[in-house]
């Protein structure tokens, strides 16, 4: 008899970008944090973004080694403090060390996509020869990422966080007042952009609605 098909894995809940992250302290309100898919939310979740972004670098293998170990040390410190949100944010920065370094390894200058005339994104072909320096940086981060993903406490706490908050009614409605504000971003080469200001799509849409209503 043919084996029954395994049930499909549930899709990861998308990161909620509608929250006013510029004014939120997610260490005090972990119920509002969504794990999301991949590295979603890595640029907006405070105070973790400010604590972790200065450590995130991948320009050379030596720099990547130092960076990945520093981020892993933060991961362990958050675990010791029973701070799952911090652990997951450290995981996202480590994972981003892999994905961004691979992007630069495969595409000179780090540009992976180009917009077409209709506004759609098209992936550019990979370079014929990959950048060995960035490829090694990606490998270094990948080793640390494996340790993080296989950490038994991290796996257990991720399941618990989803059960407590992501499968409940904790949403953006739990925040009584949304006050849009600036949030810093990071450059693709692993450097912090001081004073950079970005607004989430929802905040921009809200601002447009207000202008139309006035």
C-alpha atoms as a PDB file:
ATOM      1  CA  UNK A   1       0.000   0.000   0.000  1.00  0.00           C
ATOM      2  CA  UNK A   2       1.267   3.500  -0.762  1.00  0.00           C
ATOM      3  CA  UNK A   3       2.286   5.521   2.251  1.00  0.00           C
ATOM      4  CA  UNK A   4      -0.171   8.245   3.243  1.00  0.00           C
ATOM      5  CA  UNK A   5       1.023  11.716   2.410  1.00  0.00           C
ATOM      6  CA  UNK A   6       2.286  13.757   5.315  1.00  0.00           C
ATOM      7  CA  UNK A   7       0.074  16.739   6.134  1.00  0.00           C
ATOM      8  CA  UNK A   8       1.426  20.009   4.742  1.00  0.00           C
ATOM      9  CA  UNK A   9       3.381  22.153   7.160  1.00  0.00           C
ATOM     10  CA  UNK A  10       1.465  25.233   8.296  1.00  0.00           C
ATOM     11  CA  UNK A  11       2.659  28.424   6.656  1.00  0.00           C
ATOM     12  CA  UNK A  12       4.602  30.811   8.839  1.00  0.00           C
ATOM     13  CA  UNK A  13       2.566  33.767   9.999  1.00  0.00           C
ATOM     14  CA  UNK A  14       3.657  36.871   8.138  1.00  0.00           C
ATOM     15  CA  UNK A  15       5.411  39.547  10.154  1.00  0.00           C
ATOM     16  CA  UNK A  16       3.015  42.302  11.216  1.00  0.00           C
ATOM     17  CA  UNK A  17       4.453  45.527   9.774  1.00  0.00           C
ATOM     18  CA  UNK A  18       1.394  47.558  10.814  1.00  0.00           C
ATOM     19  CA  UNK A  19       2.627  48.142  14.365  1.00  0.00           C
ATOM     20  CA  UNK A  20       4.252  51.461  15.361  1.00  0.00           C
ATOM     21  CA  UNK A  21       7.690  49.938  15.877  1.00  0.00           C
ATOM     22  CA  UNK A  22       9.401  53.296  16.359  1.00  0.00           C
ATOM     23  CA  UNK A  23       7.606  53.634  19.690  1.00  0.00           C
ATOM     24  CA  UNK A  24       7.470  49.975  20.764  1.00  0.00           C
ATOM     25  CA  UNK A  25       9.775  48.222  23.214  1.00  0.00           C
ATOM     26  CA  UNK A  26       9.325  44.567  22.317  1.00  0.00           C
ATOM     27  CA  UNK A  27      11.293  43.437  25.334  1.00  0.00           C
ATOM     28  CA  UNK A  28       8.383  44.759  27.398  1.00  0.00           C
ATOM     29  CA  UNK A  29       5.689  43.624  24.931  1.00  0.00           C
ATOM     30  CA  UNK A  30       6.837  40.237  23.536  1.00  0.00           C
ATOM     31  CA  UNK A  31       3.213  39.353  22.784  1.00  0.00           C
ATOM     32  CA  UNK A  32       3.359  41.802  19.867  1.00  0.00           C
ATOM     33  CA  UNK A  33       6.365  40.115  18.232  1.00  0.00           C
ATOM     34  CA  UNK A  34       5.810  37.875  15.219  1.00  0.00           C
ATOM     35  CA  UNK A  35       8.535  35.430  14.234  1.00  0.00           C
ATOM     36  CA  UNK A  36       7.485  35.730  10.602  1.00  0.00           C
ATOM     37  CA  UNK A  37       9.332  34.249   7.653  1.00  0.00           C
ATOM     38  CA  UNK A  38      13.091  34.355   7.298  1.00  0.00           C
ATOM     39  CA  UNK A  39      14.455  37.727   8.387  1.00  0.00           C
ATOM     40  CA  UNK A  40      11.189  39.675   8.409  1.00  0.00           C
ATOM     41  CA  UNK A  41      11.221  42.559  10.882  1.00  0.00           C
ATOM     42  CA  UNK A  42      14.970  42.525  11.451  1.00  0.00           C
ATOM     43  CA  UNK A  43      15.262  46.265  10.747  1.00  0.00           C
ATOM     44  CA  UNK A  44      12.414  47.499  12.951  1.00  0.00           C
ATOM     45  CA  UNK A  45      12.228  45.586  16.249  1.00  0.00           C
ATOM     46  CA  UNK A  46      13.619  47.593  19.139  1.00  0.00           C
ATOM     47  CA  UNK A  47      15.576  47.538  21.373  1.00  0.00           C
ATOM     48  CA  UNK A  48      17.095  44.515  19.647  1.00  0.00           C
ATOM     49  CA  UNK A  49      17.873  46.170  16.325  1.00  0.00           C
ATOM     50  CA  UNK A  50      19.976  48.786  18.108  1.00  0.00           C
ATOM     51  CA  UNK A  51      21.730  46.125  20.206  1.00  0.00           C
ATOM     52  CA  UNK A  52      22.522  43.785  17.326  1.00  0.00           C
ATOM     53  CA  UNK A  53      23.009  45.870  14.190  1.00  0.00           C
ATOM     54  CA  UNK A  54      26.409  47.293  15.255  1.00  0.00           C
ATOM     55  CA  UNK A  55      27.700  43.701  15.467  1.00  0.00           C
ATOM     56  CA  UNK A  56      26.522  42.624  12.004  1.00  0.00           C
ATOM     57  CA  UNK A  57      29.342  42.598   9.417  1.00  0.00           C
ATOM     58  CA  UNK A  58      30.444  40.227   6.655  1.00  0.00           C
ATOM     59  CA  UNK A  59      32.908  42.099   4.411  1.00  0.00           C
ATOM     60  CA  UNK A  60      35.720  39.547   4.906  1.00  0.00           C
ATOM     61  CA  UNK A  61      35.896  36.072   6.501  1.00  0.00           C
ATOM     62  CA  UNK A  62      37.783  37.453   9.503  1.00  0.00           C
ATOM     63  CA  UNK A  63      35.142  40.128  10.014  1.00  0.00           C
ATOM     64  CA  UNK A  64      32.384  37.547   9.518  1.00  0.00           C
ATOM     65  CA  UNK A  65      33.970  35.263  12.115  1.00  0.00           C
ATOM     66  CA  UNK A  66      34.081  38.025  14.717  1.00  0.00           C
ATOM     67  CA  UNK A  67      30.594  39.235  13.852  1.00  0.00           C
ATOM     68  CA  UNK A  68      28.965  35.803  13.905  1.00  0.00           C
ATOM     69  CA  UNK A  69      30.558  34.961  17.258  1.00  0.00           C
ATOM     70  CA  UNK A  70      29.481  38.270  18.770  1.00  0.00           C
ATOM     71  CA  UNK A  71      25.918  37.750  17.557  1.00  0.00           C
ATOM     72  CA  UNK A  72      25.945  34.188  18.872  1.00  0.00           C
ATOM     73  CA  UNK A  73      27.139  35.467  22.249  1.00  0.00           C
ATOM     74  CA  UNK A  74      24.151  37.833  22.281  1.00  0.00           C
ATOM     75  CA  UNK A  75      21.900  34.891  21.384  1.00  0.00           C
ATOM     76  CA  UNK A  76      23.192  32.997  24.415  1.00  0.00           C
ATOM     77  CA  UNK A  77      22.846  36.055  26.659  1.00  0.00           C
ATOM     78  CA  UNK A  78      19.221  36.481  25.593  1.00  0.00           C
ATOM     79  CA  UNK A  79      18.654  32.784  26.276  1.00  0.00           C
ATOM     80  CA  UNK A  80      20.106  33.125  29.766  1.00  0.00           C
ATOM     81  CA  UNK A  81      17.652  35.991  30.338  1.00  0.00           C
ATOM     82  CA  UNK A  82      14.740  33.879  29.020  1.00  0.00           C
ATOM     83  CA  UNK A  83      14.263  36.470  26.275  1.00  0.00           C
ATOM     84  CA  UNK A  84      12.983  34.601  23.228  1.00  0.00           C
ATOM     85  CA  UNK A  85      12.398  37.718  21.138  1.00  0.00           C
ATOM     86  CA  UNK A  86      16.061  38.656  21.550  1.00  0.00           C
ATOM     87  CA  UNK A  87      17.113  35.111  20.647  1.00  0.00           C
ATOM     88  CA  UNK A  88      15.033  35.171  17.479  1.00  0.00           C
ATOM     89  CA  UNK A  89      16.284  38.607  16.488  1.00  0.00           C
ATOM     90  CA  UNK A  90      19.879  37.399  16.944  1.00  0.00           C
ATOM     91  CA  UNK A  91      18.970  34.412  14.756  1.00  0.00           C
ATOM     92  CA  UNK A  92      17.660  36.790  12.077  1.00  0.00           C
ATOM     93  CA  UNK A  93      20.859  38.838  12.012  1.00  0.00           C
ATOM     94  CA  UNK A  94      22.958  35.657  11.810  1.00  0.00           C
ATOM     95  CA  UNK A  95      20.727  34.345   9.027  1.00  0.00           C
ATOM     96  CA  UNK A  96      21.030  37.669   7.241  1.00  0.00           C
ATOM     97  CA  UNK A  97      24.802  37.252   7.417  1.00  0.00           C
ATOM     98  CA  UNK A  98      24.342  34.137   5.294  1.00  0.00           C
ATOM     99  CA  UNK A  99      21.843  35.529   2.800  1.00  0.00           C
ATOM    100  CA  UNK A 100      23.474  38.923   2.253  1.00  0.00           C
ATOM    101  CA  UNK A 101      26.967  37.481   1.937  1.00  0.00           C
ATOM    102  CA  UNK A 102      25.637  34.929  -0.569  1.00  0.00           C
ATOM    103  CA  UNK A 103      24.003  37.739  -2.518  1.00  0.00           C
ATOM    104  CA  UNK A 104      27.334  39.521  -2.849  1.00  0.00           C
ATOM    105  CA  UNK A 105      29.058  36.241  -3.690  1.00  0.00           C
ATOM    106  CA  UNK A 106      26.635  35.622  -6.563  1.00  0.00           C
ATOM    107  CA  UNK A 107      26.121  39.194  -7.768  1.00  0.00           C
ATOM    108  CA  UNK A 108      28.935  41.739  -7.932  1.00  0.00           C
ATOM    109  CA  UNK A 109      27.851  44.806  -6.000  1.00  0.00           C
ATOM    110  CA  UNK A 110      25.102  42.852  -4.253  1.00  0.00           C
ATOM    111  CA  UNK A 111      22.362  43.771  -6.698  1.00  0.00           C
ATOM    112  CA  UNK A 112      20.165  40.697  -7.115  1.00  0.00           C
ATOM    113  CA  UNK A 113      17.017  42.178  -8.671  1.00  0.00           C
ATOM    114  CA  UNK A 114      16.156  44.797 -11.243  1.00  0.00           C
ATOM    115  CA  UNK A 115      12.774  46.423 -11.836  1.00  0.00           C
ATOM    116  CA  UNK A 116      11.166  45.951 -15.221  1.00  0.00           C
ATOM    117  CA  UNK A 117       9.078  48.527 -17.073  1.00  0.00           C
ATOM    118  CA  UNK A 118       5.867  47.324 -15.419  1.00  0.00           C
ATOM    119  CA  UNK A 119       7.367  47.690 -11.954  1.00  0.00           C
ATOM    120  CA  UNK A 120       7.919  43.981 -11.394  1.00  0.00           C
ATOM    121  CA  UNK A 121      11.184  42.655  -9.977  1.00  0.00           C
ATOM    122  CA  UNK A 122      13.293  40.306 -12.072  1.00  0.00           C
ATOM    123  CA  UNK A 123      16.198  38.353 -10.652  1.00  0.00           C
ATOM    124  CA  UNK A 124      19.493  39.066 -12.366  1.00  0.00           C
ATOM    125  CA  UNK A 125      21.629  36.140 -13.559  1.00  0.00           C
ATOM    126  CA  UNK A 126      24.406  35.068 -11.255  1.00  0.00           C
ATOM    127  CA  UNK A 127      27.983  35.993 -12.041  1.00  0.00           C
ATOM    128  CA  UNK A 128      29.901  33.268 -13.844  1.00  0.00           C
ATOM    129  CA  UNK A 129      32.465  33.191 -11.044  1.00  0.00           C
ATOM    130  CA  UNK A 130      31.368  33.716  -7.477  1.00  0.00           C
ATOM    131  CA  UNK A 131      33.234  35.966  -5.091  1.00  0.00           C
ATOM    132  CA  UNK A 132      35.207  33.510  -2.903  1.00  0.00           C
ATOM    133  CA  UNK A 133      35.607  36.030  -0.073  1.00  0.00           C
ATOM    134  CA  UNK A 134      31.878  36.634   0.344  1.00  0.00           C
ATOM    135  CA  UNK A 135      31.158  32.918  -0.176  1.00  0.00           C
ATOM    136  CA  UNK A 136      33.429  32.099   2.760  1.00  0.00           C
ATOM    137  CA  UNK A 137      31.744  34.788   4.874  1.00  0.00           C
ATOM    138  CA  UNK A 138      28.376  33.165   4.108  1.00  0.00           C
ATOM    139  CA  UNK A 139      29.731  29.737   5.067  1.00  0.00           C
ATOM    140  CA  UNK A 140      31.021  31.064   8.399  1.00  0.00           C
ATOM    141  CA  UNK A 141      27.631  32.546   9.293  1.00  0.00           C
ATOM    142  CA  UNK A 142      25.957  29.330   8.116  1.00  0.00           C
ATOM    143  CA  UNK A 143      27.838  27.234  10.677  1.00  0.00           C
ATOM    144  CA  UNK A 144      26.638  29.493  13.491  1.00  0.00           C
ATOM    145  CA  UNK A 145      23.103  29.584  12.098  1.00  0.00           C
ATOM    146  CA  UNK A 146      22.980  25.776  12.227  1.00  0.00           C
ATOM    147  CA  UNK A 147      23.918  25.853  15.916  1.00  0.00           C
ATOM    148  CA  UNK A 148      21.165  28.386  16.595  1.00  0.00           C
ATOM    149  CA  UNK A 149      18.467  26.488  14.711  1.00  0.00           C
ATOM    150  CA  UNK A 150      19.361  23.233  16.467  1.00  0.00           C
ATOM    151  CA  UNK A 151      19.441  24.799  19.931  1.00  0.00           C
ATOM    152  CA  UNK A 152      16.855  22.806  21.897  1.00  0.00           C
ATOM    153  CA  UNK A 153      15.867  25.744  24.080  1.00  0.00           C
ATOM    154  CA  UNK A 154      15.386  27.976  21.036  1.00  0.00           C
ATOM    155  CA  UNK A 155      13.182  25.382  19.325  1.00  0.00           C
ATOM    156  CA  UNK A 156      11.108  24.878  22.472  1.00  0.00           C
ATOM    157  CA  UNK A 157      10.711  28.612  23.114  1.00  0.00           C
ATOM    158  CA  UNK A 158       9.744  29.263  19.473  1.00  0.00           C
ATOM    159  CA  UNK A 159       6.941  26.712  19.745  1.00  0.00           C
ATOM    160  CA  UNK A 160       5.828  28.237  23.031  1.00  0.00           C
ATOM    161  CA  UNK A 161       5.870  31.784  21.611  1.00  0.00           C
ATOM    162  CA  UNK A 162       3.698  30.727  18.681  1.00  0.00           C
ATOM    163  CA  UNK A 163       1.250  28.942  20.958  1.00  0.00           C
ATOM    164  CA  UNK A 164       0.991  31.868  23.361  1.00  0.00           C
ATOM    165  CA  UNK A 165       0.919  34.790  20.951  1.00  0.00           C
ATOM    166  CA  UNK A 166       0.812  33.955  17.262  1.00  0.00           C
ATOM    167  CA  UNK A 167      -2.104  31.537  17.515  1.00  0.00           C
ATOM    168  CA  UNK A 168      -4.015  33.896  19.779  1.00  0.00           C
ATOM    169  CA  UNK A 169      -5.704  37.248  19.268  1.00  0.00           C
ATOM    170  CA  UNK A 170      -2.586  39.352  19.895  1.00  0.00           C
ATOM    171  CA  UNK A 171      -2.596  41.792  16.990  1.00  0.00           C
ATOM    172  CA  UNK A 172      -1.883  45.396  16.205  1.00  0.00           C
ATOM    173  CA  UNK A 173      -5.171  46.240  17.950  1.00  0.00           C
ATOM    174  CA  UNK A 174      -3.420  45.575  21.255  1.00  0.00           C
ATOM    175  CA  UNK A 175      -1.559  48.832  20.730  1.00  0.00           C
ATOM    176  CA  UNK A 176      -3.902  51.632  21.716  1.00  0.00           C
ATOM    177  CA  UNK A 177      -2.099  54.449  19.996  1.00  0.00           C
ATOM    178  CA  UNK A 178      -0.034  54.228  16.852  1.00  0.00           C
ATOM    179  CA  UNK A 179       2.536  56.992  16.609  1.00  0.00           C
ATOM    180  CA  UNK A 180       4.613  56.680  13.429  1.00  0.00           C
ATOM    181  CA  UNK A 181       8.254  57.599  13.755  1.00  0.00           C
ATOM    182  CA  UNK A 182      11.673  57.020  12.210  1.00  0.00           C
ATOM    183  CA  UNK A 183      13.446  53.689  12.375  1.00  0.00           C
ATOM    184  CA  UNK A 184      17.007  53.012  11.263  1.00  0.00           C
ATOM    185  CA  UNK A 185      17.949  50.604   8.514  1.00  0.00           C
ATOM    186  CA  UNK A 186      21.095  48.825   7.492  1.00  0.00           C
ATOM    187  CA  UNK A 187      23.106  48.926   4.307  1.00  0.00           C
ATOM    188  CA  UNK A 188      23.509  45.771   2.240  1.00  0.00           C
ATOM    189  CA  UNK A 189      27.256  45.630   2.850  1.00  0.00           C
ATOM    190  CA  UNK A 190      26.647  45.113   6.549  1.00  0.00           C
ATOM    191  CA  UNK A 191      27.058  48.676   7.781  1.00  0.00           C
ATOM    192  CA  UNK A 192      24.681  50.698   9.883  1.00  0.00           C
ATOM    193  CA  UNK A 193      23.226  53.791   8.246  1.00  0.00           C
ATOM    194  CA  UNK A 194      23.317  56.434  10.951  1.00  0.00           C
ATOM    195  CA  UNK A 195      20.246  58.614  11.022  1.00  0.00           C
ATOM    196  CA  UNK A 196      18.501  56.726   8.223  1.00  0.00           C
ATOM    197  CA  UNK A 197      14.767  57.079   8.417  1.00  0.00           C
ATOM    198  CA  UNK A 198      12.200  54.789   6.931  1.00  0.00           C
ATOM    199  CA  UNK A 199       8.481  54.354   7.331  1.00  0.00           C
ATOM    200  CA  UNK A 200       6.642  51.089   6.999  1.00  0.00           C
ATOM    201  CA  UNK A 201       4.260  50.658   4.084  1.00  0.00           C
ATOM    202  CA  UNK A 202       1.305  50.861   6.425  1.00  0.00           C
ATOM    203  CA  UNK A 203       2.509  54.124   7.920  1.00  0.00           C
ATOM    204  CA  UNK A 204       2.997  55.633   4.482  1.00  0.00           C
ATOM    205  CA  UNK A 205      -0.457  54.491   3.440  1.00  0.00           C
ATOM    206  CA  UNK A 206      -1.921  55.986   6.611  1.00  0.00           C
ATOM    207  CA  UNK A 207      -0.200  59.300   5.962  1.00  0.00           C
ATOM    208  CA  UNK A 208      -1.600  59.388   2.422  1.00  0.00           C
ATOM    209  CA  UNK A 209      -5.107  58.678   3.704  1.00  0.00           C
ATOM    210  CA  UNK A 210      -4.818  61.525   6.206  1.00  0.00           C
ATOM    211  CA  UNK A 211      -3.680  63.939   3.500  1.00  0.00           C
ATOM    212  CA  UNK A 212      -6.588  62.957   1.277  1.00  0.00           C
ATOM    213  CA  UNK A 213      -9.032  63.372   4.173  1.00  0.00           C
ATOM    214  CA  UNK A 214      -7.746  66.862   5.095  1.00  0.00           C
END
